[in-house]
C-alpha cells in the first residue's frame, strides 16, 4: 500500500504500523515525534497504530539550537 511520509510517497506492506514507517526512513526511535493524518501518536502507540492506504505521516526530529 502507498503512504505519504514527510510529503514523499512510500510503499509499505498492508497492515504496517508507525514503527514500520520509521524503519522505512531509517529514523531513530528516540528524539522524534510522529503524527498520522494530523493526529499526534504517542510513542506507546507506535507499534499498535496501523496505517491505512494513503495515510499522511509526519516524522519530526528534535533539533538543538536557536
C-alpha atoms as a PDB file:
ATOM      1  CA  UNK A   1       0.000   0.000   0.000  1.00  0.00           C
ATOM      2  CA  UNK A   2       1.113   3.573  -0.542  1.00  0.00           C
ATOM      3  CA  UNK A   3       1.513   6.108   2.255  1.00  0.00           C
ATOM      4  CA  UNK A   4       2.983   9.595   2.403  1.00  0.00           C
ATOM      5  CA  UNK A   5       5.861  10.147   4.835  1.00  0.00           C
ATOM      6  CA  UNK A   6       7.030  13.751   5.205  1.00  0.00           C
ATOM      7  CA  UNK A   7       5.444  14.538   1.853  1.00  0.00           C
ATOM      8  CA  UNK A   8       7.070  11.678  -0.075  1.00  0.00           C
ATOM      9  CA  UNK A   9       5.251   8.612  -1.324  1.00  0.00           C
ATOM     10  CA  UNK A  10       6.418   5.275   0.102  1.00  0.00           C
ATOM     11  CA  UNK A  11       5.330   1.664  -0.307  1.00  0.00           C
ATOM     12  CA  UNK A  12       4.595  -0.245   2.908  1.00  0.00           C
ATOM     13  CA  UNK A  13       3.088  -3.669   3.493  1.00  0.00           C
ATOM     14  CA  UNK A  14      -0.629  -3.857   4.207  1.00  0.00           C
ATOM     15  CA  UNK A  15      -1.043  -3.766   7.986  1.00  0.00           C
ATOM     16  CA  UNK A  16       2.117  -1.693   8.522  1.00  0.00           C
ATOM     17  CA  UNK A  17       2.368   0.382  11.683  1.00  0.00           C
ATOM     18  CA  UNK A  18       4.135   3.588  12.717  1.00  0.00           C
ATOM     19  CA  UNK A  19       7.335   1.690  13.571  1.00  0.00           C
ATOM     20  CA  UNK A  20       7.429   0.307  10.024  1.00  0.00           C
ATOM     21  CA  UNK A  21       7.197   3.860   8.683  1.00  0.00           C
ATOM     22  CA  UNK A  22      10.097   4.945  10.895  1.00  0.00           C
ATOM     23  CA  UNK A  23      12.153   1.986   9.694  1.00  0.00           C
ATOM     24  CA  UNK A  24      11.454   2.975   6.084  1.00  0.00           C
ATOM     25  CA  UNK A  25      13.013   6.373   6.771  1.00  0.00           C
ATOM     26  CA  UNK A  26      15.856   4.977   8.852  1.00  0.00           C
ATOM     27  CA  UNK A  27      14.638   7.330  11.581  1.00  0.00           C
ATOM     28  CA  UNK A  28      15.680   6.854  15.190  1.00  0.00           C
ATOM     29  CA  UNK A  29      13.108   5.756  17.736  1.00  0.00           C
ATOM     30  CA  UNK A  30      14.040   8.472  20.190  1.00  0.00           C
ATOM     31  CA  UNK A  31      14.058  12.221  19.745  1.00  0.00           C
ATOM     32  CA  UNK A  32      11.229  12.116  17.208  1.00  0.00           C
ATOM     33  CA  UNK A  33       7.508  12.828  17.235  1.00  0.00           C
ATOM     34  CA  UNK A  34       5.024  11.226  14.848  1.00  0.00           C
ATOM     35  CA  UNK A  35       1.651  12.406  13.572  1.00  0.00           C
ATOM     36  CA  UNK A  36      -0.672  10.357  11.370  1.00  0.00           C
ATOM     37  CA  UNK A  37      -3.292  12.251   9.399  1.00  0.00           C
ATOM     38  CA  UNK A  38      -2.794  15.290  11.626  1.00  0.00           C
ATOM     39  CA  UNK A  39      -3.063  13.447  14.952  1.00  0.00           C
ATOM     40  CA  UNK A  40      -0.020  13.011  17.203  1.00  0.00           C
ATOM     41  CA  UNK A  41       0.620   9.357  18.001  1.00  0.00           C
ATOM     42  CA  UNK A  42       2.149   8.793  21.465  1.00  0.00           C
ATOM     43  CA  UNK A  43       5.311   6.672  21.432  1.00  0.00           C
ATOM     44  CA  UNK A  44       3.498   3.952  23.406  1.00  0.00           C
ATOM     45  CA  UNK A  45       1.059   3.596  20.495  1.00  0.00           C
ATOM     46  CA  UNK A  46       3.558   3.346  17.628  1.00  0.00           C
ATOM     47  CA  UNK A  47       3.534  -0.458  17.455  1.00  0.00           C
ATOM     48  CA  UNK A  48      -0.248  -0.705  17.688  1.00  0.00           C
ATOM     49  CA  UNK A  49      -1.154   2.143  15.319  1.00  0.00           C
ATOM     50  CA  UNK A  50      -1.878   0.563  11.940  1.00  0.00           C
ATOM     51  CA  UNK A  51      -1.593   2.728   8.861  1.00  0.00           C
ATOM     52  CA  UNK A  52      -4.233   2.963   6.161  1.00  0.00           C
ATOM     53  CA  UNK A  53      -3.535   3.361   2.461  1.00  0.00           C
ATOM     54  CA  UNK A  54      -2.735   6.985   1.601  1.00  0.00           C
ATOM     55  CA  UNK A  55      -2.089   7.847   5.266  1.00  0.00           C
ATOM     56  CA  UNK A  56      -0.099  11.025   5.764  1.00  0.00           C
ATOM     57  CA  UNK A  57       2.669  10.512   8.302  1.00  0.00           C
ATOM     58  CA  UNK A  58       4.830  13.334   9.592  1.00  0.00           C
ATOM     59  CA  UNK A  59       8.034  12.479  11.427  1.00  0.00           C
ATOM     60  CA  UNK A  60       9.547  15.427  13.290  1.00  0.00           C
ATOM     61  CA  UNK A  61      13.032  15.399  14.758  1.00  0.00           C
ATOM     62  CA  UNK A  62      14.099  17.452  17.772  1.00  0.00           C
ATOM     63  CA  UNK A  63      16.931  19.857  16.981  1.00  0.00           C
ATOM     64  CA  UNK A  64      19.021  21.884  19.419  1.00  0.00           C
ATOM     65  CA  UNK A  65      19.954  25.455  18.794  1.00  0.00           C
ATOM     66  CA  UNK A  66      18.279  28.740  18.347  1.00  0.00           C
END
